[in-house]
Amino acid sequence: MTSSVIMQLVIQIITGIIGGQAVGATVKSVAMSQLPKILSGAIGGIAGGGILTNLLSSPAAASAMSGNLGDAVGGVVGGGVLTAIVGAIMKSMNKA
């Protein structure tokens, strides 16, 4: 692993956790503890950053989000989306 790949992963994990915390704070109906929010945010951040990086592989799209901005945006969105999904699953399991 090169240092640029490690930096991308760190950015995706941190921004994914931020996105997960934001969704967890916004959606009060889903009572999640910190651990599921952190884990789902981090995993979603890596996934979202990876997906966005692959989508931006074209030169025209890559120039629009140069540098680490794509990793950060993908991390926040991916972390938030996965945290919302995990929260919805946890809420439906608690109803049963």
PDB file of N, CA and C in Angstrom:
ATOM      1  N   MET A   1       0.842  -1.181   0.000  1.00  0.00           N
ATOM      2  CA  MET A   1       0.000   0.000   0.000  1.00  0.00           C
ATOM      3  C   MET A   1       0.883   1.238   0.000  1.00  0.00           C
ATOM      4  N   THR A   2       0.542   2.139  -0.862  1.00  0.00           N
ATOM      5  CA  THR A   2       1.293   3.386  -0.896  1.00  0.00           C
ATOM      6  C   THR A   2       0.679   4.380   0.082  1.00  0.00           C
ATOM      7  N   SER A   3       1.414   5.430   0.327  1.00  0.00           N
ATOM      8  CA  SER A   3       0.919   6.425   1.287  1.00  0.00           C
ATOM      9  C   SER A   3      -0.325   7.140   0.765  1.00  0.00           C
ATOM     10  N   SER A   4      -0.477   7.264  -0.554  1.00  0.00           N
ATOM     11  CA  SER A   4      -1.678   7.923  -1.085  1.00  0.00           C
ATOM     12  C   SER A   4      -2.914   7.052  -0.881  1.00  0.00           C
ATOM     13  N   VAL A   5      -2.760   5.745  -0.982  1.00  0.00           N
ATOM     14  CA  VAL A   5      -3.896   4.845  -0.747  1.00  0.00           C
ATOM     15  C   VAL A   5      -4.286   4.875   0.729  1.00  0.00           C
ATOM     16  N   ILE A   6      -3.293   4.878   1.605  1.00  0.00           N
ATOM     17  CA  ILE A   6      -3.578   4.945   3.042  1.00  0.00           C
ATOM     18  C   ILE A   6      -4.278   6.258   3.380  1.00  0.00           C
ATOM     19  N   MET A   7      -3.835   7.353   2.766  1.00  0.00           N
ATOM     20  CA  MET A   7      -4.471   8.652   3.004  1.00  0.00           C
ATOM     21  C   MET A   7      -5.917   8.645   2.514  1.00  0.00           C
ATOM     22  N   GLN A   8      -6.170   8.030   1.370  1.00  0.00           N
ATOM     23  CA  GLN A   8      -7.543   7.927   0.871  1.00  0.00           C
ATOM     24  C   GLN A   8      -8.414   7.151   1.852  1.00  0.00           C
ATOM     25  N   LEU A   9      -7.910   6.032   2.361  1.00  0.00           N
ATOM     26  CA  LEU A   9      -8.688   5.229   3.308  1.00  0.00           C
ATOM     27  C   LEU A   9      -8.965   5.985   4.606  1.00  0.00           C
ATOM     28  N   VAL A  10      -7.973   6.702   5.095  1.00  0.00           N
ATOM     29  CA  VAL A  10      -8.163   7.479   6.333  1.00  0.00           C
ATOM     30  C   VAL A  10      -9.235   8.549   6.126  1.00  0.00           C
ATOM     31  N   ILE A  11      -9.173   9.243   5.004  1.00  0.00           N
ATOM     32  CA  ILE A  11     -10.176  10.273   4.711  1.00  0.00           C
ATOM     33  C   ILE A  11     -11.557   9.651   4.596  1.00  0.00           C
ATOM     34  N   GLN A  12     -11.663   8.510   3.898  1.00  0.00           N
ATOM     35  CA  GLN A  12     -12.959   7.855   3.735  1.00  0.00           C
ATOM     36  C   GLN A  12     -13.520   7.366   5.063  1.00  0.00           C
ATOM     37  N   ILE A  13     -12.662   6.831   5.922  1.00  0.00           N
ATOM     38  CA  ILE A  13     -13.128   6.330   7.223  1.00  0.00           C
ATOM     39  C   ILE A  13     -13.598   7.488   8.103  1.00  0.00           C
ATOM     40  N   ILE A  14     -12.807   8.535   8.182  1.00  0.00           N
ATOM     41  CA  ILE A  14     -13.163   9.668   9.052  1.00  0.00           C
ATOM     42  C   ILE A  14     -14.438  10.351   8.559  1.00  0.00           C
ATOM     43  N   THR A  15     -14.520  10.615   7.263  1.00  0.00           N
ATOM     44  CA  THR A  15     -15.727  11.271   6.754  1.00  0.00           C
ATOM     45  C   THR A  15     -16.928  10.338   6.803  1.00  0.00           C
ATOM     46  N   GLY A  16     -16.705   9.025   6.686  1.00  0.00           N
ATOM     47  CA  GLY A  16     -17.803   8.076   6.840  1.00  0.00           C
ATOM     48  C   GLY A  16     -18.360   8.086   8.248  1.00  0.00           C
ATOM     49  N   ILE A  17     -17.464   8.158   9.234  1.00  0.00           N
ATOM     50  CA  ILE A  17     -17.913   8.244  10.629  1.00  0.00           C
ATOM     51  C   ILE A  17     -18.692   9.536  10.853  1.00  0.00           C
ATOM     52  N   ILE A  18     -18.227  10.625  10.269  1.00  0.00           N
ATOM     53  CA  ILE A  18     -18.945  11.902  10.389  1.00  0.00           C
ATOM     54  C   ILE A  18     -20.336  11.790   9.781  1.00  0.00           C
ATOM     55  N   GLY A  19     -20.427  11.190   8.594  1.00  0.00           N
ATOM     56  CA  GLY A  19     -21.734  11.002   7.957  1.00  0.00           C
ATOM     57  C   GLY A  19     -22.644  10.108   8.771  1.00  0.00           C
ATOM     58  N   GLY A  20     -22.089   9.047   9.344  1.00  0.00           N
ATOM     59  CA  GLY A  20     -22.885   8.153  10.183  1.00  0.00           C
ATOM     60  C   GLY A  20     -23.383   8.834  11.442  1.00  0.00           C
ATOM     61  N   GLN A  21     -22.535   9.644  12.068  1.00  0.00           N
ATOM     62  CA  GLN A  21     -22.944  10.381  13.260  1.00  0.00           C
ATOM     63  C   GLN A  21     -24.027  11.402  12.929  1.00  0.00           C
ATOM     64  N   ALA A  22     -23.900  12.035  11.766  1.00  0.00           N
ATOM     65  CA  ALA A  22     -24.908  13.028  11.366  1.00  0.00           C
ATOM     66  C   ALA A  22     -26.266  12.377  11.153  1.00  0.00           C
ATOM     67  N   VAL A  23     -26.275  11.237  10.486  1.00  0.00           N
ATOM     68  CA  VAL A  23     -27.544  10.532  10.275  1.00  0.00           C
ATOM     69  C   VAL A  23     -28.096  10.035  11.602  1.00  0.00           C
ATOM     70  N   GLY A  24     -27.234   9.503  12.462  1.00  0.00           N
ATOM     71  CA  GLY A  24     -27.684   9.030  13.772  1.00  0.00           C
ATOM     72  C   GLY A  24     -28.271  10.130  14.626  1.00  0.00           C
ATOM     73  N   ALA A  25     -27.708  11.327  14.526  1.00  0.00           N
ATOM     74  CA  ALA A  25     -28.237  12.460  15.300  1.00  0.00           C
ATOM     75  C   ALA A  25     -29.526  13.000  14.698  1.00  0.00           C
ATOM     76  N   THR A  26     -29.644  12.913  13.388  1.00  0.00           N
ATOM     77  CA  THR A  26     -30.825  13.451  12.710  1.00  0.00           C
ATOM     78  C   THR A  26     -32.033  12.544  12.879  1.00  0.00           C
ATOM     79  N   VAL A  27     -31.834  11.261  12.753  1.00  0.00           N
ATOM     80  CA  VAL A  27     -32.935  10.308  12.836  1.00  0.00           C
ATOM     81  C   VAL A  27     -33.029   9.809  14.273  1.00  0.00           C
ATOM     82  N   LYS A  28     -33.784  10.507  15.065  1.00  0.00           N
ATOM     83  CA  LYS A  28     -33.898  10.190  16.489  1.00  0.00           C
ATOM     84  C   LYS A  28     -34.748   8.941  16.740  1.00  0.00           C
ATOM     85  N   SER A  29     -35.577   8.556  15.770  1.00  0.00           N
ATOM     86  CA  SER A  29     -36.453   7.406  15.981  1.00  0.00           C
ATOM     87  C   SER A  29     -35.669   6.094  16.022  1.00  0.00           C
ATOM     88  N   VAL A  30     -34.457   6.114  15.512  1.00  0.00           N
ATOM     89  CA  VAL A  30     -33.624   4.915  15.533  1.00  0.00           C
ATOM     90  C   VAL A  30     -32.637   5.057  16.679  1.00  0.00           C
ATOM     91  N   ALA A  31     -32.859   4.303  17.725  1.00  0.00           N
ATOM     92  CA  ALA A  31     -31.987   4.387  18.895  1.00  0.00           C
ATOM     93  C   ALA A  31     -30.791   3.466  18.678  1.00  0.00           C
ATOM     94  N   MET A  32     -29.703   4.050  18.206  1.00  0.00           N
ATOM     95  CA  MET A  32     -28.481   3.286  17.962  1.00  0.00           C
ATOM     96  C   MET A  32     -27.421   3.762  18.951  1.00  0.00           C
ATOM     97  N   SER A  33     -26.656   2.824  19.463  1.00  0.00           N
ATOM     98  CA  SER A  33     -25.536   3.230  20.303  1.00  0.00           C
ATOM     99  C   SER A  33     -24.398   3.710  19.405  1.00  0.00           C
ATOM    100  N   GLN A  34     -23.339   4.181  20.007  1.00  0.00           N
ATOM    101  CA  GLN A  34     -22.234   4.756  19.239  1.00  0.00           C
ATOM    102  C   GLN A  34     -21.509   3.720  18.384  1.00  0.00           C
ATOM    103  N   LEU A  35     -21.329   2.509  18.897  1.00  0.00           N
ATOM    104  CA  LEU A  35     -20.558   1.500  18.164  1.00  0.00           C
ATOM    105  C   LEU A  35     -21.156   1.172  16.796  1.00  0.00           C
ATOM    106  N   PRO A  36     -22.470   0.894  16.682  1.00  0.00           N
ATOM    107  CA  PRO A  36     -23.018   0.638  15.343  1.00  0.00           C
ATOM    108  C   PRO A  36     -22.906   1.853  14.415  1.00  0.00           C
ATOM    109  N   LYS A  37     -23.072   3.058  14.965  1.00  0.00           N
ATOM    110  CA  LYS A  37     -22.941   4.251  14.126  1.00  0.00           C
ATOM    111  C   LYS A  37     -21.519   4.412  13.623  1.00  0.00           C
ATOM    112  N   ILE A  38     -20.536   4.170  14.482  1.00  0.00           N
ATOM    113  CA  ILE A  38     -19.133   4.321  14.083  1.00  0.00           C
ATOM    114  C   ILE A  38     -18.757   3.256  13.063  1.00  0.00           C
ATOM    115  N   LEU A  39     -19.116   2.008  13.347  1.00  0.00           N
ATOM    116  CA  LEU A  39     -18.748   0.922  12.433  1.00  0.00           C
ATOM    117  C   LEU A  39     -19.432   1.049  11.081  1.00  0.00           C
ATOM    118  N   SER A  40     -20.736   1.300  11.085  1.00  0.00           N
ATOM    119  CA  SER A  40     -21.434   1.419   9.808  1.00  0.00           C
ATOM    120  C   SER A  40     -20.977   2.664   9.054  1.00  0.00           C
ATOM    121  N   GLY A  41     -20.670   3.726   9.767  1.00  0.00           N
ATOM    122  CA  GLY A  41     -20.155   4.929   9.110  1.00  0.00           C
ATOM    123  C   GLY A  41     -18.800   4.692   8.466  1.00  0.00           C
ATOM    124  N   ALA A  42     -17.906   4.002   9.190  1.00  0.00           N
ATOM    125  CA  ALA A  42     -16.573   3.735   8.646  1.00  0.00           C
ATOM    126  C   ALA A  42     -16.636   2.810   7.437  1.00  0.00           C
ATOM    127  N   ILE A  43     -17.406   1.731   7.550  1.00  0.00           N
ATOM    128  CA  ILE A  43     -17.525   0.788   6.434  1.00  0.00           C
ATOM    129  C   ILE A  43     -18.213   1.449   5.246  1.00  0.00           C
ATOM    130  N   GLY A  44     -19.269   2.200   5.518  1.00  0.00           N
ATOM    131  CA  GLY A  44     -19.954   2.918   4.442  1.00  0.00           C
ATOM    132  C   GLY A  44     -19.074   3.976   3.808  1.00  0.00           C
ATOM    133  N   GLY A  45     -18.227   4.599   4.611  1.00  0.00           N
ATOM    134  CA  GLY A  45     -17.306   5.599   4.070  1.00  0.00           C
ATOM    135  C   GLY A  45     -16.316   5.003   3.093  1.00  0.00           C
ATOM    136  N   ILE A  46     -15.777   3.840   3.443  1.00  0.00           N
ATOM    137  CA  ILE A  46     -14.852   3.169   2.527  1.00  0.00           C
ATOM    138  C   ILE A  46     -15.577   2.750   1.251  1.00  0.00           C
ATOM    139  N   ALA A  47     -16.770   2.192   1.407  1.00  0.00           N
ATOM    140  CA  ALA A  47     -17.526   1.757   0.232  1.00  0.00           C
ATOM    141  C   ALA A  47     -17.931   2.947  -0.640  1.00  0.00           C
ATOM    142  N   GLY A  48     -18.449   3.985  -0.018  1.00  0.00           N
ATOM    143  CA  GLY A  48     -18.866   5.166  -0.781  1.00  0.00           C
ATOM    144  C   GLY A  48     -17.707   5.855  -1.468  1.00  0.00           C
ATOM    145  N   GLY A  49     -16.582   5.949  -0.778  1.00  0.00           N
ATOM    146  CA  GLY A  49     -15.399   6.548  -1.395  1.00  0.00           C
ATOM    147  C   GLY A  49     -14.888   5.731  -2.555  1.00  0.00           C
ATOM    148  N   GLY A  50     -14.917   4.403  -2.406  1.00  0.00           N
ATOM    149  CA  GLY A  50     -14.489   3.530  -3.495  1.00  0.00           C
ATOM    150  C   GLY A  50     -15.403   3.617  -4.699  1.00  0.00           C
ATOM    151  N   ILE A  51     -16.697   3.651  -4.451  1.00  0.00           N
ATOM    152  CA  ILE A  51     -17.656   3.758  -5.555  1.00  0.00           C
ATOM    153  C   ILE A  51     -17.484   5.085  -6.282  1.00  0.00           C
ATOM    154  N   LEU A  52     -17.367   6.170  -5.529  1.00  0.00           N
ATOM    155  CA  LEU A  52     -17.215   7.477  -6.163  1.00  0.00           C
ATOM    156  C   LEU A  52     -15.898   7.573  -6.928  1.00  0.00           C
ATOM    157  N   THR A  53     -14.843   6.980  -6.399  1.00  0.00           N
ATOM    158  CA  THR A  53     -13.565   6.983  -7.100  1.00  0.00           C
ATOM    159  C   THR A  53     -13.678   6.239  -8.426  1.00  0.00           C
ATOM    160  N   ASN A  54     -14.383   5.115  -8.429  1.00  0.00           N
ATOM    161  CA  ASN A  54     -14.574   4.372  -9.676  1.00  0.00           C
ATOM    162  C   ASN A  54     -15.447   5.135 -10.662  1.00  0.00           C
ATOM    163  N   LEU A  55     -16.446   5.836 -10.151  1.00  0.00           N
ATOM    164  CA  LEU A  55     -17.297   6.631 -11.036  1.00  0.00           C
ATOM    165  C   LEU A  55     -16.544   7.813 -11.637  1.00  0.00           C
ATOM    166  N   LEU A  56     -15.571   8.321 -10.891  1.00  0.00           N
ATOM    167  CA  LEU A  56     -14.819   9.481 -11.359  1.00  0.00           C
ATOM    168  C   LEU A  56     -13.569   9.085 -12.148  1.00  0.00           C
ATOM    169  N   SER A  57     -13.540   7.866 -12.642  1.00  0.00           N
ATOM    170  CA  SER A  57     -12.355   7.432 -13.381  1.00  0.00           C
ATOM    171  C   SER A  57     -12.269   8.083 -14.756  1.00  0.00           C
ATOM    172  N   SER A  58     -13.357   8.658 -15.244  1.00  0.00           N
ATOM    173  CA  SER A  58     -13.286   9.373 -16.514  1.00  0.00           C
ATOM    174  C   SER A  58     -12.605  10.722 -16.286  1.00  0.00           C
ATOM    175  N   PRO A  59     -11.810  11.172 -17.236  1.00  0.00           N
ATOM    176  CA  PRO A  59     -11.059  12.423 -17.041  1.00  0.00           C
ATOM    177  C   PRO A  59     -11.945  13.652 -16.802  1.00  0.00           C
ATOM    178  N   ALA A  60     -13.078  13.732 -17.471  1.00  0.00           N
ATOM    179  CA  ALA A  60     -13.943  14.902 -17.305  1.00  0.00           C
ATOM    180  C   ALA A  60     -14.535  14.954 -15.903  1.00  0.00           C
ATOM    181  N   ALA A  61     -14.973  13.814 -15.388  1.00  0.00           N
ATOM    182  CA  ALA A  61     -15.559  13.784 -14.048  1.00  0.00           C
ATOM    183  C   ALA A  61     -14.482  13.945 -12.983  1.00  0.00           C
ATOM    184  N   ALA A  62     -13.320  13.400 -13.239  1.00  0.00           N
ATOM    185  CA  ALA A  62     -12.247  13.493 -12.249  1.00  0.00           C
ATOM    186  C   ALA A  62     -11.769  14.924 -12.062  1.00  0.00           C
ATOM    187  N   SER A  63     -11.796  15.711 -13.114  1.00  0.00           N
ATOM    188  CA  SER A  63     -11.355  17.101 -12.979  1.00  0.00           C
ATOM    189  C   SER A  63     -12.331  17.912 -12.139  1.00  0.00           C
ATOM    190  N   ALA A  64     -13.590  17.503 -12.106  1.00  0.00           N
ATOM    191  CA  ALA A  64     -14.583  18.221 -11.308  1.00  0.00           C
ATOM    192  C   ALA A  64     -14.350  18.011  -9.814  1.00  0.00           C
ATOM    193  N   MET A  65     -13.875  16.841  -9.437  1.00  0.00           N
ATOM    194  CA  MET A  65     -13.610  16.541  -8.028  1.00  0.00           C
ATOM    195  C   MET A  65     -12.173  16.070  -7.879  1.00  0.00           C
ATOM    196  N   SER A  66     -11.275  16.976  -7.999  1.00  0.00           N
ATOM    197  CA  SER A  66      -9.861  16.608  -7.926  1.00  0.00           C
ATOM    198  C   SER A  66      -9.409  16.465  -6.482  1.00  0.00           C
ATOM    199  N   GLY A  67      -8.298  15.787  -6.303  1.00  0.00           N
ATOM    200  CA  GLY A  67      -7.714  15.639  -4.974  1.00  0.00           C
ATOM    201  C   GLY A  67      -8.521  14.728  -4.083  1.00  0.00           C
ATOM    202  N   ASN A  68      -8.591  15.064  -2.814  1.00  0.00           N
ATOM    203  CA  ASN A  68      -9.264  14.224  -1.832  1.00  0.00           C
ATOM    204  C   ASN A  68     -10.732  14.579  -1.648  1.00  0.00           C
ATOM    205  N   LEU A  69     -11.228  15.519  -2.420  1.00  0.00           N
ATOM    206  CA  LEU A  69     -12.627  15.917  -2.286  1.00  0.00           C
ATOM    207  C   LEU A  69     -13.568  14.763  -2.610  1.00  0.00           C
ATOM    208  N   GLY A  70     -13.238  13.988  -3.630  1.00  0.00           N
ATOM    209  CA  GLY A  70     -14.069  12.832  -3.980  1.00  0.00           C
ATOM    210  C   GLY A  70     -14.112  11.803  -2.869  1.00  0.00           C
ATOM    211  N   ASP A  71     -12.966  11.575  -2.216  1.00  0.00           N
ATOM    212  CA  ASP A  71     -12.927  10.640  -1.095  1.00  0.00           C
ATOM    213  C   ASP A  71     -13.794  11.147   0.058  1.00  0.00           C
ATOM    214  N   ALA A  72     -13.726  12.437   0.321  1.00  0.00           N
ATOM    215  CA  ALA A  72     -14.489  13.015   1.434  1.00  0.00           C
ATOM    216  C   ALA A  72     -15.986  12.967   1.160  1.00  0.00           C
ATOM    217  N   VAL A  73     -16.388  13.358  -0.047  1.00  0.00           N
ATOM    218  CA  VAL A  73     -17.814  13.353  -0.388  1.00  0.00           C
ATOM    219  C   VAL A  73     -18.350  11.929  -0.384  1.00  0.00           C
ATOM    220  N   GLY A  74     -17.610  11.022  -1.012  1.00  0.00           N
ATOM    221  CA  GLY A  74     -18.031   9.622  -1.027  1.00  0.00           C
ATOM    222  C   GLY A  74     -18.100   9.034   0.363  1.00  0.00           C
ATOM    223  N   GLY A  75     -17.155   9.421   1.225  1.00  0.00           N
ATOM    224  CA  GLY A  75     -17.154   8.926   2.597  1.00  0.00           C
ATOM    225  C   GLY A  75     -18.353   9.393   3.389  1.00  0.00           C
ATOM    226  N   VAL A  76     -18.663  10.668   3.300  1.00  0.00           N
ATOM    227  CA  VAL A  76     -19.809  11.216   4.048  1.00  0.00           C
ATOM    228  C   VAL A  76     -21.119  10.584   3.571  1.00  0.00           C
ATOM    229  N   VAL A  77     -21.282  10.533   2.265  1.00  0.00           N
ATOM    230  CA  VAL A  77     -22.530   9.978   1.720  1.00  0.00           C
ATOM    231  C   VAL A  77     -22.629   8.484   2.013  1.00  0.00           C
ATOM    232  N   GLY A  78     -21.552   7.755   1.768  1.00  0.00           N
ATOM    233  CA  GLY A  78     -21.575   6.318   2.013  1.00  0.00           C
ATOM    234  C   GLY A  78     -21.792   5.980   3.479  1.00  0.00           C
ATOM    235  N   GLY A  79     -21.116   6.710   4.361  1.00  0.00           N
ATOM    236  CA  GLY A  79     -21.296   6.479   5.796  1.00  0.00           C
ATOM    237  C   GLY A  79     -22.701   6.790   6.257  1.00  0.00           C
ATOM    238  N   GLY A  80     -23.253   7.865   5.741  1.00  0.00           N
ATOM    239  CA  GLY A  80     -24.615   8.231   6.110  1.00  0.00           C
ATOM    240  C   GLY A  80     -25.649   7.240   5.611  1.00  0.00           C
ATOM    241  N   VAL A  81     -25.479   6.801   4.382  1.00  0.00           N
ATOM    242  CA  VAL A  81     -26.446   5.859   3.788  1.00  0.00           C
ATOM    243  C   VAL A  81     -26.399   4.519   4.511  1.00  0.00           C
ATOM    244  N   LEU A  82     -25.197   3.995   4.736  1.00  0.00           N
ATOM    245  CA  LEU A  82     -25.115   2.696   5.402  1.00  0.00           C
ATOM    246  C   LEU A  82     -25.610   2.778   6.843  1.00  0.00           C
ATOM    247  N   THR A  83     -25.349   3.875   7.522  1.00  0.00           N
ATOM    248  CA  THR A  83     -25.852   4.032   8.892  1.00  0.00           C
ATOM    249  C   THR A  83     -27.376   4.084   8.906  1.00  0.00           C
ATOM    250  N   ALA A  84     -27.964   4.752   7.935  1.00  0.00           N
ATOM    251  CA  ALA A  84     -29.427   4.797   7.850  1.00  0.00           C
ATOM    252  C   ALA A  84     -30.000   3.406   7.596  1.00  0.00           C
ATOM    253  N   ILE A  85     -29.343   2.633   6.744  1.00  0.00           N
ATOM    254  CA  ILE A  85     -29.809   1.274   6.463  1.00  0.00           C
ATOM    255  C   ILE A  85     -29.695   0.395   7.711  1.00  0.00           C
ATOM    256  N   VAL A  86     -28.553   0.462   8.376  1.00  0.00           N
ATOM    257  CA  VAL A  86     -28.364  -0.328   9.600  1.00  0.00           C
ATOM    258  C   VAL A  86     -29.366   0.100  10.666  1.00  0.00           C
ATOM    259  N   GLY A  87     -29.617   1.389  10.784  1.00  0.00           N
ATOM    260  CA  GLY A  87     -30.591   1.880  11.753  1.00  0.00           C
ATOM    261  C   GLY A  87     -31.991   1.379  11.468  1.00  0.00           C
ATOM    262  N   ALA A  88     -32.364   1.360  10.188  1.00  0.00           N
ATOM    263  CA  ALA A  88     -33.691   0.864   9.814  1.00  0.00           C
ATOM    264  C   ALA A  88     -33.821  -0.628  10.114  1.00  0.00           C
ATOM    265  N   ILE A  89     -32.761  -1.372   9.859  1.00  0.00           N
ATOM    266  CA  ILE A  89     -32.785  -2.809  10.151  1.00  0.00           C
ATOM    267  C   ILE A  89     -32.876  -3.042  11.659  1.00  0.00           C
ATOM    268  N   MET A  90     -32.093  -2.284  12.429  1.00  0.00           N
ATOM    269  CA  MET A  90     -32.127  -2.443  13.887  1.00  0.00           C
ATOM    270  C   MET A  90     -33.515  -2.069  14.447  1.00  0.00           C
ATOM    271  N   LYS A  91     -34.123  -1.035  13.870  1.00  0.00           N
ATOM    272  CA  LYS A  91     -35.443  -0.616  14.339  1.00  0.00           C
ATOM    273  C   LYS A  91     -36.491  -1.687  14.031  1.00  0.00           C
ATOM    274  N   SER A  92     -36.414  -2.287  12.839  1.00  0.00           N
ATOM    275  CA  SER A  92     -37.394  -3.328  12.495  1.00  0.00           C
ATOM    276  C   SER A  92     -37.183  -4.586  13.324  1.00  0.00           C
ATOM    277  N   MET A  93     -35.928  -4.868  13.708  1.00  0.00           N
ATOM    278  CA  MET A  93     -35.674  -6.035  14.552  1.00  0.00           C
ATOM    279  C   MET A  93     -36.187  -5.820  15.973  1.00  0.00           C
ATOM    280  N   ASN A  94     -36.169  -4.582  16.445  1.00  0.00           N
ATOM    281  CA  ASN A  94     -36.649  -4.283  17.801  1.00  0.00           C
ATOM    282  C   ASN A  94     -38.159  -4.358  17.891  1.00  0.00           C
ATOM    283  N   LYS A  95     -38.859  -4.150  16.765  1.00  0.00           N
ATOM    284  CA  LYS A  95     -40.326  -4.208  16.776  1.00  0.00           C
ATOM    285  C   LYS A  95     -40.837  -5.631  16.887  1.00  0.00           C
ATOM    286  N   ALA A  96     -40.056  -6.575  16.418  1.00  0.00           N
ATOM    287  CA  ALA A  96     -40.521  -7.973  16.389  1.00  0.00           C
ATOM    288  C   ALA A  96     -40.564  -8.604  17.745  1.00  0.00           C
TER     289      ALA A  96
END
